[in-house]
Structures are given as structure tokens and as C-alpha cells.
Amino acid sequence: MNNVTRQELVQEVSRNTGLPQGDTKIAMETAFECIRDYLKTGRNIQIRGFGTFLTKVRKKRPARNPKTGDVVPLPERRVPLFKFSGDLKKAVDVYAELRKTEAANES
């Protein structure tokens, strides 16, 4: 699978909206900055039909250095997460429609 780069995403959004790539890039960078800033302050960002950006506190715990085997304490920390919406999961699941069709044919 090929990853989509930020520039490719800008080009695609620009093509779909008819906006110049420069304006599209500024808008997208601003949106990314806003998401990052909200997460820094502990706020969640919910985009209906897409998903939720949120942070979770991970408890402090002992970890092991794989190279030396030494136990290293990891402090409590906040990590960013993304929780997919049901709509997005269904859209990505290319086999969902096939399963529905097969189930209907079996009935």
C-alpha cells in the first residue's frame, strides 16, 4: 500500500474544491494546528461521520530496554488517539456491502 503524502492530499483537496493549492495548504495546515492545539489543552475534537481526536493518560509503569534488558520507569504521560466513527469504519470496510448482498441472497 502506498501512503498519501501531505502534498498529495493538498492537491486532491485543491482539485475537488477548485481552490488554489496555496490557499488549500494554508487551510489544511491551520486545521492541523488547531487539532494539535486543542489536544495539547486536553480538549477532544469530534468530527461526526469521521471520528474523534482525543488524548488519554497512560499510567506510569516499568518498561524494559530491549537492548540491555534493564528496567526503565516510564512516567505518566498523555498520548494522542483517534477513535474512528462507525460511518468511517463502514466506508473503509469494502467487504461490508458484499457480505450484505450475500446474506440477502442466502435468505
PDB file of N, CA and C in Angstrom:
ATOM      1  N   MET A   1       0.838  -1.183   0.000  1.00  0.00           N
ATOM      2  CA  MET A   1       0.000   0.000   0.000  1.00  0.00           C
ATOM      3  C   MET A   1       0.875   1.235   0.000  1.00  0.00           C
ATOM      4  N   ASN A   2       0.466   2.216  -0.750  1.00  0.00           N
ATOM      5  CA  ASN A   2       1.188   3.475  -0.788  1.00  0.00           C
ATOM      6  C   ASN A   2       0.577   4.454   0.205  1.00  0.00           C
ATOM      7  N   ASN A   3       1.426   5.184   0.895  1.00  0.00           N
ATOM      8  CA  ASN A   3       0.954   6.238   1.772  1.00  0.00           C
ATOM      9  C   ASN A   3       0.685   7.482   0.947  1.00  0.00           C
ATOM     10  N   VAL A   4      -0.259   8.271   1.379  1.00  0.00           N
ATOM     11  CA  VAL A   4      -0.556   9.543   0.733  1.00  0.00           C
ATOM     12  C   VAL A   4       0.209  10.615   1.490  1.00  0.00           C
ATOM     13  N   THR A   5       0.949  11.427   0.760  1.00  0.00           N
ATOM     14  CA  THR A   5       1.708  12.497   1.403  1.00  0.00           C
ATOM     15  C   THR A   5       0.811  13.705   1.646  1.00  0.00           C
ATOM     16  N   ARG A   6       1.298  14.594   2.465  1.00  0.00           N
ATOM     17  CA  ARG A   6       0.561  15.823   2.755  1.00  0.00           C
ATOM     18  C   ARG A   6       0.331  16.614   1.468  1.00  0.00           C
ATOM     19  N   GLN A   7       1.361  16.675   0.610  1.00  0.00           N
ATOM     20  CA  GLN A   7       1.248  17.420  -0.646  1.00  0.00           C
ATOM     21  C   GLN A   7       0.202  16.789  -1.569  1.00  0.00           C
ATOM     22  N   GLU A   8       0.157  15.470  -1.621  1.00  0.00           N
ATOM     23  CA  GLU A   8      -0.856  14.800  -2.441  1.00  0.00           C
ATOM     24  C   GLU A   8      -2.257  15.084  -1.923  1.00  0.00           C
ATOM     25  N   LEU A   9      -2.394  15.136  -0.622  1.00  0.00           N
ATOM     26  CA  LEU A   9      -3.680  15.459  -0.016  1.00  0.00           C
ATOM     27  C   LEU A   9      -4.083  16.891  -0.364  1.00  0.00           C
ATOM     28  N   VAL A  10      -3.126  17.811  -0.288  1.00  0.00           N
ATOM     29  CA  VAL A  10      -3.394  19.210  -0.662  1.00  0.00           C
ATOM     30  C   VAL A  10      -3.836  19.274  -2.118  1.00  0.00           C
ATOM     31  N   GLN A  11      -3.155  18.575  -2.997  1.00  0.00           N
ATOM     32  CA  GLN A  11      -3.501  18.587  -4.417  1.00  0.00           C
ATOM     33  C   GLN A  11      -4.901  18.036  -4.650  1.00  0.00           C
ATOM     34  N   GLU A  12      -5.243  16.950  -3.968  1.00  0.00           N
ATOM     35  CA  GLU A  12      -6.566  16.345  -4.140  1.00  0.00           C
ATOM     36  C   GLU A  12      -7.670  17.265  -3.635  1.00  0.00           C
ATOM     37  N   VAL A  13      -7.479  17.857  -2.462  1.00  0.00           N
ATOM     38  CA  VAL A  13      -8.478  18.785  -1.922  1.00  0.00           C
ATOM     39  C   VAL A  13      -8.606  19.993  -2.843  1.00  0.00           C
ATOM     40  N   SER A  14      -7.487  20.470  -3.347  1.00  0.00           N
ATOM     41  CA  SER A  14      -7.491  21.605  -4.260  1.00  0.00           C
ATOM     42  C   SER A  14      -8.279  21.278  -5.526  1.00  0.00           C
ATOM     43  N   ARG A  15      -8.056  20.081  -6.071  1.00  0.00           N
ATOM     44  CA  ARG A  15      -8.789  19.652  -7.277  1.00  0.00           C
ATOM     45  C   ARG A  15     -10.281  19.558  -7.002  1.00  0.00           C
ATOM     46  N   ASN A  16     -10.643  19.003  -5.848  1.00  0.00           N
ATOM     47  CA  ASN A  16     -12.060  18.805  -5.524  1.00  0.00           C
ATOM     48  C   ASN A  16     -12.795  20.101  -5.199  1.00  0.00           C
ATOM     49  N   THR A  17     -12.080  21.082  -4.660  1.00  0.00           N
ATOM     50  CA  THR A  17     -12.739  22.323  -4.263  1.00  0.00           C
ATOM     51  C   THR A  17     -12.588  23.442  -5.277  1.00  0.00           C
ATOM     52  N   GLY A  18     -11.589  23.325  -6.156  1.00  0.00           N
ATOM     53  CA  GLY A  18     -11.327  24.391  -7.111  1.00  0.00           C
ATOM     54  C   GLY A  18     -10.533  25.543  -6.513  1.00  0.00           C
ATOM     55  N   LEU A  19     -10.094  25.388  -5.269  1.00  0.00           N
ATOM     56  CA  LEU A  19      -9.279  26.418  -4.628  1.00  0.00           C
ATOM     57  C   LEU A  19      -7.823  26.269  -5.065  1.00  0.00           C
ATOM     58  N   PRO A  20      -7.075  27.365  -5.084  1.00  0.00           N
ATOM     59  CA  PRO A  20      -5.648  27.256  -5.398  1.00  0.00           C
ATOM     60  C   PRO A  20      -4.938  26.405  -4.337  1.00  0.00           C
ATOM     61  N   GLN A  21      -3.893  25.705  -4.754  1.00  0.00           N
ATOM     62  CA  GLN A  21      -3.169  24.832  -3.828  1.00  0.00           C
ATOM     63  C   GLN A  21      -2.589  25.608  -2.654  1.00  0.00           C
ATOM     64  N   GLY A  22      -2.145  26.824  -2.890  1.00  0.00           N
ATOM     65  CA  GLY A  22      -1.589  27.629  -1.793  1.00  0.00           C
ATOM     66  C   GLY A  22      -2.617  27.881  -0.706  1.00  0.00           C
ATOM     67  N   ASP A  23      -3.837  28.255  -1.125  1.00  0.00           N
ATOM     68  CA  ASP A  23      -4.912  28.501  -0.159  1.00  0.00           C
ATOM     69  C   ASP A  23      -5.315  27.209   0.550  1.00  0.00           C
ATOM     70  N   THR A  24      -5.374  26.125  -0.214  1.00  0.00           N
ATOM     71  CA  THR A  24      -5.732  24.832   0.359  1.00  0.00           C
ATOM     72  C   THR A  24      -4.711  24.409   1.400  1.00  0.00           C
ATOM     73  N   LYS A  25      -3.433  24.592   1.091  1.00  0.00           N
ATOM     74  CA  LYS A  25      -2.377  24.208   2.025  1.00  0.00           C
ATOM     75  C   LYS A  25      -2.472  25.015   3.318  1.00  0.00           C
ATOM     76  N   ILE A  26      -2.719  26.323   3.200  1.00  0.00           N
ATOM     77  CA  ILE A  26      -2.853  27.177   4.387  1.00  0.00           C
ATOM     78  C   ILE A  26      -4.026  26.707   5.249  1.00  0.00           C
ATOM     79  N   ALA A  27      -5.166  26.407   4.604  1.00  0.00           N
ATOM     80  CA  ALA A  27      -6.352  25.967   5.346  1.00  0.00           C
ATOM     81  C   ALA A  27      -6.085  24.635   6.052  1.00  0.00           C
ATOM     82  N   MET A  28      -5.447  23.711   5.350  1.00  0.00           N
ATOM     83  CA  MET A  28      -5.184  22.408   5.946  1.00  0.00           C
ATOM     84  C   MET A  28      -4.167  22.507   7.078  1.00  0.00           C
ATOM     85  N   GLU A  29      -3.118  23.284   6.883  1.00  0.00           N
ATOM     86  CA  GLU A  29      -2.119  23.458   7.948  1.00  0.00           C
ATOM     87  C   GLU A  29      -2.751  24.093   9.184  1.00  0.00           C
ATOM     88  N   THR A  30      -3.632  25.052   8.950  1.00  0.00           N
ATOM     89  CA  THR A  30      -4.323  25.713  10.063  1.00  0.00           C
ATOM     90  C   THR A  30      -5.209  24.720  10.806  1.00  0.00           C
ATOM     91  N   ALA A  31      -5.912  23.865  10.061  1.00  0.00           N
ATOM     92  CA  ALA A  31      -6.757  22.850  10.700  1.00  0.00           C
ATOM     93  C   ALA A  31      -5.905  21.893  11.536  1.00  0.00           C
ATOM     94  N   PHE A  32      -4.762  21.457  10.987  1.00  0.00           N
ATOM     95  CA  PHE A  32      -3.877  20.561  11.735  1.00  0.00           C
ATOM     96  C   PHE A  32      -3.359  21.235  13.006  1.00  0.00           C
ATOM     97  N   GLU A  33      -3.004  22.510  12.899  1.00  0.00           N
ATOM     98  CA  GLU A  33      -2.519  23.251  14.073  1.00  0.00           C
ATOM     99  C   GLU A  33      -3.607  23.365  15.132  1.00  0.00           C
ATOM    100  N   CYS A  34      -4.834  23.628  14.699  1.00  0.00           N
ATOM    101  CA  CYS A  34      -5.948  23.736  15.647  1.00  0.00           C
ATOM    102  C   CYS A  34      -6.173  22.414  16.365  1.00  0.00           C
ATOM    103  N   ILE A  35      -6.139  21.313  15.619  1.00  0.00           N
ATOM    104  CA  ILE A  35      -6.311  19.993  16.231  1.00  0.00           C
ATOM    105  C   ILE A  35      -5.210  19.758  17.253  1.00  0.00           C
ATOM    106  N   ARG A  36      -3.971  20.052  16.865  1.00  0.00           N
ATOM    107  CA  ARG A  36      -2.836  19.863  17.781  1.00  0.00           C
ATOM    108  C   ARG A  36      -3.001  20.733  19.024  1.00  0.00           C
ATOM    109  N   ASP A  37      -3.393  21.995  18.843  1.00  0.00           N
ATOM    110  CA  ASP A  37      -3.538  22.908  19.986  1.00  0.00           C
ATOM    111  C   ASP A  37      -4.658  22.463  20.931  1.00  0.00           C
ATOM    112  N   TYR A  38      -5.788  22.014  20.369  1.00  0.00           N
ATOM    113  CA  TYR A  38      -6.878  21.534  21.217  1.00  0.00           C
ATOM    114  C   TYR A  38      -6.447  20.307  22.009  1.00  0.00           C
ATOM    115  N   LEU A  39      -5.733  19.385  21.354  1.00  0.00           N
ATOM    116  CA  LEU A  39      -5.275  18.188  22.055  1.00  0.00           C
ATOM    117  C   LEU A  39      -4.278  18.537  23.153  1.00  0.00           C
ATOM    118  N   LYS A  40      -3.426  19.530  22.912  1.00  0.00           N
ATOM    119  CA  LYS A  40      -2.468  19.964  23.940  1.00  0.00           C
ATOM    120  C   LYS A  40      -3.173  20.416  25.201  1.00  0.00           C
ATOM    121  N   THR A  41      -4.324  21.076  25.019  1.00  0.00           N
ATOM    122  CA  THR A  41      -5.056  21.595  26.180  1.00  0.00           C
ATOM    123  C   THR A  41      -6.024  20.567  26.761  1.00  0.00           C
ATOM    124  N   GLY A  42      -6.022  19.334  26.210  1.00  0.00           N
ATOM    125  CA  GLY A  42      -6.866  18.282  26.749  1.00  0.00           C
ATOM    126  C   GLY A  42      -8.272  18.244  26.192  1.00  0.00           C
ATOM    127  N   ARG A  43      -8.539  19.041  25.159  1.00  0.00           N
ATOM    128  CA  ARG A  43      -9.880  19.035  24.561  1.00  0.00           C
ATOM    129  C   ARG A  43      -9.957  18.004  23.451  1.00  0.00           C
ATOM    130  N   ASN A  44     -11.121  17.388  23.285  1.00  0.00           N
ATOM    131  CA  ASN A  44     -11.360  16.427  22.223  1.00  0.00           C
ATOM    132  C   ASN A  44     -11.953  17.134  21.010  1.00  0.00           C
ATOM    133  N   ILE A  45     -11.689  16.596  19.830  1.00  0.00           N
ATOM    134  CA  ILE A  45     -12.250  17.138  18.597  1.00  0.00           C
ATOM    135  C   ILE A  45     -13.094  16.046  17.972  1.00  0.00           C
ATOM    136  N   GLN A  46     -14.409  16.264  17.909  1.00  0.00           N
ATOM    137  CA  GLN A  46     -15.311  15.272  17.337  1.00  0.00           C
ATOM    138  C   GLN A  46     -15.790  15.765  15.978  1.00  0.00           C
ATOM    139  N   ILE A  47     -15.527  14.959  14.948  1.00  0.00           N
ATOM    140  CA  ILE A  47     -15.987  15.263  13.596  1.00  0.00           C
ATOM    141  C   ILE A  47     -16.979  14.163  13.228  1.00  0.00           C
ATOM    142  N   ARG A  48     -18.256  14.502  13.269  1.00  0.00           N
ATOM    143  CA  ARG A  48     -19.300  13.498  13.043  1.00  0.00           C
ATOM    144  C   ARG A  48     -19.125  12.841  11.678  1.00  0.00           C
ATOM    145  N   GLY A  49     -19.289  11.535  11.657  1.00  0.00           N
ATOM    146  CA  GLY A  49     -19.144  10.767  10.437  1.00  0.00           C
ATOM    147  C   GLY A  49     -17.694  10.449  10.095  1.00  0.00           C
ATOM    148  N   PHE A  50     -16.760  10.971  10.878  1.00  0.00           N
ATOM    149  CA  PHE A  50     -15.341  10.728  10.609  1.00  0.00           C
ATOM    150  C   PHE A  50     -14.672  10.100  11.823  1.00  0.00           C
ATOM    151  N   GLY A  51     -14.679  10.818  12.946  1.00  0.00           N
ATOM    152  CA  GLY A  51     -14.075  10.270  14.148  1.00  0.00           C
ATOM    153  C   GLY A  51     -13.780  11.329  15.182  1.00  0.00           C
ATOM    154  N   THR A  52     -13.084  10.920  16.238  1.00  0.00           N
ATOM    155  CA  THR A  52     -12.768  11.812  17.349  1.00  0.00           C
ATOM    156  C   THR A  52     -11.280  11.751  17.651  1.00  0.00           C
ATOM    157  N   PHE A  53     -10.667  12.919  17.701  1.00  0.00           N
ATOM    158  CA  PHE A  53      -9.291  13.045  18.163  1.00  0.00           C
ATOM    159  C   PHE A  53      -9.377  13.293  19.665  1.00  0.00           C
ATOM    160  N   LEU A  54      -8.596  12.531  20.449  1.00  0.00           N
ATOM    161  CA  LEU A  54      -8.645  12.691  21.891  1.00  0.00           C
ATOM    162  C   LEU A  54      -7.289  12.339  22.488  1.00  0.00           C
ATOM    163  N   THR A  55      -7.139  12.626  23.772  1.00  0.00           N
ATOM    164  CA  THR A  55      -5.924  12.231  24.477  1.00  0.00           C
ATOM    165  C   THR A  55      -6.309  11.306  25.613  1.00  0.00           C
ATOM    166  N   LYS A  56      -5.365  10.457  25.981  1.00  0.00           N
ATOM    167  CA  LYS A  56      -5.583   9.521  27.072  1.00  0.00           C
ATOM    168  C   LYS A  56      -4.348   9.556  27.958  1.00  0.00           C
ATOM    169  N   VAL A  57      -4.572   9.491  29.261  1.00  0.00           N
ATOM    170  CA  VAL A  57      -3.456   9.451  30.200  1.00  0.00           C
ATOM    171  C   VAL A  57      -3.020   8.001  30.369  1.00  0.00           C
ATOM    172  N   ARG A  58      -1.760   7.755  30.107  1.00  0.00           N
ATOM    173  CA  ARG A  58      -1.176   6.422  30.321  1.00  0.00           C
ATOM    174  C   ARG A  58      -0.524   6.423  31.700  1.00  0.00           C
ATOM    175  N   LYS A  59      -0.811   5.425  32.487  1.00  0.00           N
ATOM    176  CA  LYS A  59      -0.256   5.337  33.835  1.00  0.00           C
ATOM    177  C   LYS A  59       1.252   5.098  33.772  1.00  0.00           C
ATOM    178  N   LYS A  60       1.927   5.520  34.843  1.00  0.00           N
ATOM    179  CA  LYS A  60       3.358   5.221  34.900  1.00  0.00           C
ATOM    180  C   LYS A  60       3.513   3.718  35.084  1.00  0.00           C
ATOM    181  N   ARG A  61       4.584   3.184  34.488  1.00  0.00           N
ATOM    182  CA  ARG A  61       4.786   1.741  34.542  1.00  0.00           C
ATOM    183  C   ARG A  61       6.251   1.422  34.272  1.00  0.00           C
ATOM    184  N   PRO A  62       6.677   0.250  34.687  1.00  0.00           N
ATOM    185  CA  PRO A  62       8.038  -0.156  34.347  1.00  0.00           C
ATOM    186  C   PRO A  62       8.078  -0.692  32.918  1.00  0.00           C
ATOM    187  N   ALA A  63       9.133  -0.380  32.201  1.00  0.00           N
ATOM    188  CA  ALA A  63       9.346  -0.902  30.850  1.00  0.00           C
ATOM    189  C   ALA A  63      10.727  -1.531  30.809  1.00  0.00           C
ATOM    190  N   ARG A  64      10.986  -2.259  29.762  1.00  0.00           N
ATOM    191  CA  ARG A  64      12.274  -2.927  29.647  1.00  0.00           C
ATOM    192  C   ARG A  64      12.989  -2.436  28.393  1.00  0.00           C
ATOM    193  N   ASN A  65      14.252  -2.056  28.568  1.00  0.00           N
ATOM    194  CA  ASN A  65      15.083  -1.676  27.437  1.00  0.00           C
ATOM    195  C   ASN A  65      15.388  -2.961  26.663  1.00  0.00           C
ATOM    196  N   PRO A  66      14.939  -3.067  25.393  1.00  0.00           N
ATOM    197  CA  PRO A  66      15.123  -4.322  24.673  1.00  0.00           C
ATOM    198  C   PRO A  66      16.588  -4.651  24.382  1.00  0.00           C
ATOM    199  N   LYS A  67      17.425  -3.632  24.333  1.00  0.00           N
ATOM    200  CA  LYS A  67      18.845  -3.862  24.024  1.00  0.00           C
ATOM    201  C   LYS A  67      19.609  -4.397  25.238  1.00  0.00           C
ATOM    202  N   THR A  68      19.363  -3.776  26.400  1.00  0.00           N
ATOM    203  CA  THR A  68      20.123  -4.149  27.602  1.00  0.00           C
ATOM    204  C   THR A  68      19.340  -5.036  28.560  1.00  0.00           C
ATOM    205  N   GLY A  69      18.010  -5.006  28.449  1.00  0.00           N
ATOM    206  CA  GLY A  69      17.185  -5.772  29.374  1.00  0.00           C
ATOM    207  C   GLY A  69      16.938  -5.058  30.680  1.00  0.00           C
ATOM    208  N   ASP A  70      17.497  -3.859  30.854  1.00  0.00           N
ATOM    209  CA  ASP A  70      17.305  -3.088  32.083  1.00  0.00           C
ATOM    210  C   ASP A  70      15.866  -2.604  32.199  1.00  0.00           C
ATOM    211  N   VAL A  71      15.373  -2.547  33.426  1.00  0.00           N
ATOM    212  CA  VAL A  71      14.049  -1.997  33.684  1.00  0.00           C
ATOM    213  C   VAL A  71      14.173  -0.480  33.750  1.00  0.00           C
ATOM    214  N   VAL A  72      13.298   0.192  32.998  1.00  0.00           N
ATOM    215  CA  VAL A  72      13.306   1.655  32.940  1.00  0.00           C
ATOM    216  C   VAL A  72      11.905   2.126  33.322  1.00  0.00           C
ATOM    217  N   PRO A  73      11.793   3.038  34.290  1.00  0.00           N
ATOM    218  CA  PRO A  73      10.462   3.520  34.652  1.00  0.00           C
ATOM    219  C   PRO A  73       9.949   4.515  33.602  1.00  0.00           C
ATOM    220  N   LEU A  74       8.717   4.297  33.144  1.00  0.00           N
ATOM    221  CA  LEU A  74       8.073   5.248  32.247  1.00  0.00           C
ATOM    222  C   LEU A  74       7.142   6.114  33.085  1.00  0.00           C
ATOM    223  N   PRO A  75       7.240   7.424  32.978  1.00  0.00           N
ATOM    224  CA  PRO A  75       6.367   8.292  33.773  1.00  0.00           C
ATOM    225  C   PRO A  75       4.949   8.333  33.187  1.00  0.00           C
ATOM    226  N   GLU A  76       4.025   8.826  33.991  1.00  0.00           N
ATOM    227  CA  GLU A  76       2.672   9.046  33.491  1.00  0.00           C
ATOM    228  C   GLU A  76       2.762  10.044  32.344  1.00  0.00           C
ATOM    229  N   ARG A  77       1.991   9.798  31.285  1.00  0.00           N
ATOM    230  CA  ARG A  77       2.042  10.699  30.140  1.00  0.00           C
ATOM    231  C   ARG A  77       0.707  10.692  29.406  1.00  0.00           C
ATOM    232  N   ARG A  78       0.470  11.755  28.668  1.00  0.00           N
ATOM    233  CA  ARG A  78      -0.734  11.868  27.850  1.00  0.00           C
ATOM    234  C   ARG A  78      -0.368  11.540  26.409  1.00  0.00           C
ATOM    235  N   VAL A  79      -1.169  10.697  25.760  1.00  0.00           N
ATOM    236  CA  VAL A  79      -0.901  10.314  24.382  1.00  0.00           C
ATOM    237  C   VAL A  79      -2.114  10.644  23.515  1.00  0.00           C
ATOM    238  N   PRO A  80      -1.875  11.052  22.259  1.00  0.00           N
ATOM    239  CA  PRO A  80      -2.989  11.338  21.360  1.00  0.00           C
ATOM    240  C   PRO A  80      -3.548  10.044  20.774  1.00  0.00           C
ATOM    241  N   LEU A  81      -4.854  10.023  20.584  1.00  0.00           N
ATOM    242  CA  LEU A  81      -5.534   8.869  19.994  1.00  0.00           C
ATOM    243  C   LEU A  81      -6.537   9.357  18.964  1.00  0.00           C
ATOM    244  N   PHE A  82      -6.922   8.470  18.072  1.00  0.00           N
ATOM    245  CA  PHE A  82      -8.006   8.755  17.136  1.00  0.00           C
ATOM    246  C   PHE A  82      -8.979   7.597  17.198  1.00  0.00           C
ATOM    247  N   LYS A  83     -10.245   7.915  17.429  1.00  0.00           N
ATOM    248  CA  LYS A  83     -11.292   6.904  17.509  1.00  0.00           C
ATOM    249  C   LYS A  83     -12.175   7.049  16.267  1.00  0.00           C
ATOM    250  N   PHE A  84     -12.225   6.017  15.445  1.00  0.00           N
ATOM    251  CA  PHE A  84     -12.965   6.066  14.193  1.00  0.00           C
ATOM    252  C   PHE A  84     -14.465   6.053  14.447  1.00  0.00           C
ATOM    253  N   SER A  85     -15.214   6.763  13.612  1.00  0.00           N
ATOM    254  CA  SER A  85     -16.670   6.711  13.720  1.00  0.00           C
ATOM    255  C   SER A  85     -17.163   5.436  13.046  1.00  0.00           C
ATOM    256  N   GLY A  86     -18.361   5.040  13.371  1.00  0.00           N
ATOM    257  CA  GLY A  86     -18.963   3.876  12.732  1.00  0.00           C
ATOM    258  C   GLY A  86     -19.105   4.065  11.238  1.00  0.00           C
ATOM    259  N   ASP A  87     -19.455   5.283  10.825  1.00  0.00           N
ATOM    260  CA  ASP A  87     -19.603   5.578   9.389  1.00  0.00           C
ATOM    261  C   ASP A  87     -18.289   5.384   8.656  1.00  0.00           C
ATOM    262  N   LEU A  88     -17.191   5.846   9.256  1.00  0.00           N
ATOM    263  CA  LEU A  88     -15.885   5.702   8.615  1.00  0.00           C
ATOM    264  C   LEU A  88     -15.484   4.235   8.553  1.00  0.00           C
ATOM    265  N   LYS A  89     -15.745   3.499   9.621  1.00  0.00           N
ATOM    266  CA  LYS A  89     -15.425   2.070   9.618  1.00  0.00           C
ATOM    267  C   LYS A  89     -16.174   1.349   8.505  1.00  0.00           C
ATOM    268  N   LYS A  90     -17.452   1.688   8.333  1.00  0.00           N
ATOM    269  CA  LYS A  90     -18.249   1.061   7.283  1.00  0.00           C
ATOM    270  C   LYS A  90     -17.734   1.447   5.901  1.00  0.00           C
ATOM    271  N   ALA A  91     -17.360   2.698   5.731  1.00  0.00           N
ATOM    272  CA  ALA A  91     -16.870   3.166   4.430  1.00  0.00           C
ATOM    273  C   ALA A  91     -15.556   2.488   4.058  1.00  0.00           C
ATOM    274  N   VAL A  92     -14.714   2.225   5.042  1.00  0.00           N
ATOM    275  CA  VAL A  92     -13.419   1.601   4.791  1.00  0.00           C
ATOM    276  C   VAL A  92     -13.574   0.101   4.573  1.00  0.00           C
ATOM    277  N   ASP A  93     -14.567  -0.493   5.192  1.00  0.00           N
ATOM    278  CA  ASP A  93     -14.779  -1.935   5.084  1.00  0.00           C
ATOM    279  C   ASP A  93     -15.412  -2.243   3.727  1.00  0.00           C
ATOM    280  N   VAL A  94     -14.571  -2.516   2.733  1.00  0.00           N
ATOM    281  CA  VAL A  94     -15.049  -2.744   1.375  1.00  0.00           C
ATOM    282  C   VAL A  94     -15.847  -4.035   1.255  1.00  0.00           C
ATOM    283  N   TYR A  95     -15.736  -4.920   2.242  1.00  0.00           N
ATOM    284  CA  TYR A  95     -16.445  -6.185   2.180  1.00  0.00           C
ATOM    285  C   TYR A  95     -17.812  -6.132   2.841  1.00  0.00           C
ATOM    286  N   ALA A  96     -18.133  -5.052   3.512  1.00  0.00           N
ATOM    287  CA  ALA A  96     -19.414  -4.962   4.215  1.00  0.00           C
ATOM    288  C   ALA A  96     -20.570  -5.090   3.240  1.00  0.00           C
ATOM    289  N   GLU A  97     -20.507  -4.378   2.127  1.00  0.00           N
ATOM    290  CA  GLU A  97     -21.580  -4.427   1.134  1.00  0.00           C
ATOM    291  C   GLU A  97     -21.681  -5.824   0.521  1.00  0.00           C
ATOM    292  N   LEU A  98     -20.539  -6.462   0.285  1.00  0.00           N
ATOM    293  CA  LEU A  98     -20.528  -7.814  -0.263  1.00  0.00           C
ATOM    294  C   LEU A  98     -21.193  -8.792   0.705  1.00  0.00           C
ATOM    295  N   ARG A  99     -20.875  -8.668   1.998  1.00  0.00           N
ATOM    296  CA  ARG A  99     -21.486  -9.545   2.993  1.00  0.00           C
ATOM    297  C   ARG A  99     -22.989  -9.330   3.064  1.00  0.00           C
ATOM    298  N   LYS A 100     -23.421  -8.062   2.952  1.00  0.00           N
ATOM    299  CA  LYS A 100     -24.848  -7.756   2.975  1.00  0.00           C
ATOM    300  C   LYS A 100     -25.554  -8.421   1.799  1.00  0.00           C
ATOM    301  N   THR A 101     -24.937  -8.301   0.630  1.00  0.00           N
ATOM    302  CA  THR A 101     -25.505  -8.883  -0.588  1.00  0.00           C
ATOM    303  C   THR A 101     -25.578 -10.395  -0.472  1.00  0.00           C
ATOM    304  N   GLU A 102     -24.511 -11.026   0.034  1.00  0.00           N
ATOM    305  CA  GLU A 102     -24.501 -12.477   0.206  1.00  0.00           C
ATOM    306  C   GLU A 102     -25.562 -12.919   1.195  1.00  0.00           C
ATOM    307  N   ALA A 103     -25.720 -12.166   2.276  1.00  0.00           N
ATOM    308  CA  ALA A 103     -26.720 -12.505   3.282  1.00  0.00           C
ATOM    309  C   ALA A 103     -28.129 -12.402   2.699  1.00  0.00           C
ATOM    310  N   ALA A 104     -28.358 -11.396   1.871  1.00  0.00           N
ATOM    311  CA  ALA A 104     -29.671 -11.209   1.250  1.00  0.00           C
ATOM    312  C   ALA A 104     -29.949 -12.341   0.257  1.00  0.00           C
ATOM    313  N   ASN A 105     -28.923 -12.789  -0.462  1.00  0.00           N
ATOM    314  CA  ASN A 105     -29.090 -13.863  -1.433  1.00  0.00           C
ATOM    315  C   ASN A 105     -29.347 -15.194  -0.757  1.00  0.00           C
ATOM    316  N   GLU A 106     -28.799 -15.388   0.443  1.00  0.00           N
ATOM    317  CA  GLU A 106     -28.986 -16.632   1.162  1.00  0.00           C
ATOM    318  C   GLU A 106     -30.404 -16.732   1.736  1.00  0.00           C
ATOM    319  N   SER A 107     -31.044 -15.600   1.959  1.00  0.00           N
ATOM    320  CA  SER A 107     -32.387 -15.596   2.569  1.00  0.00           C
ATOM    321  C   SER A 107     -33.439 -16.051   1.605  1.00  0.00           C
TER     322      SER A 107
END
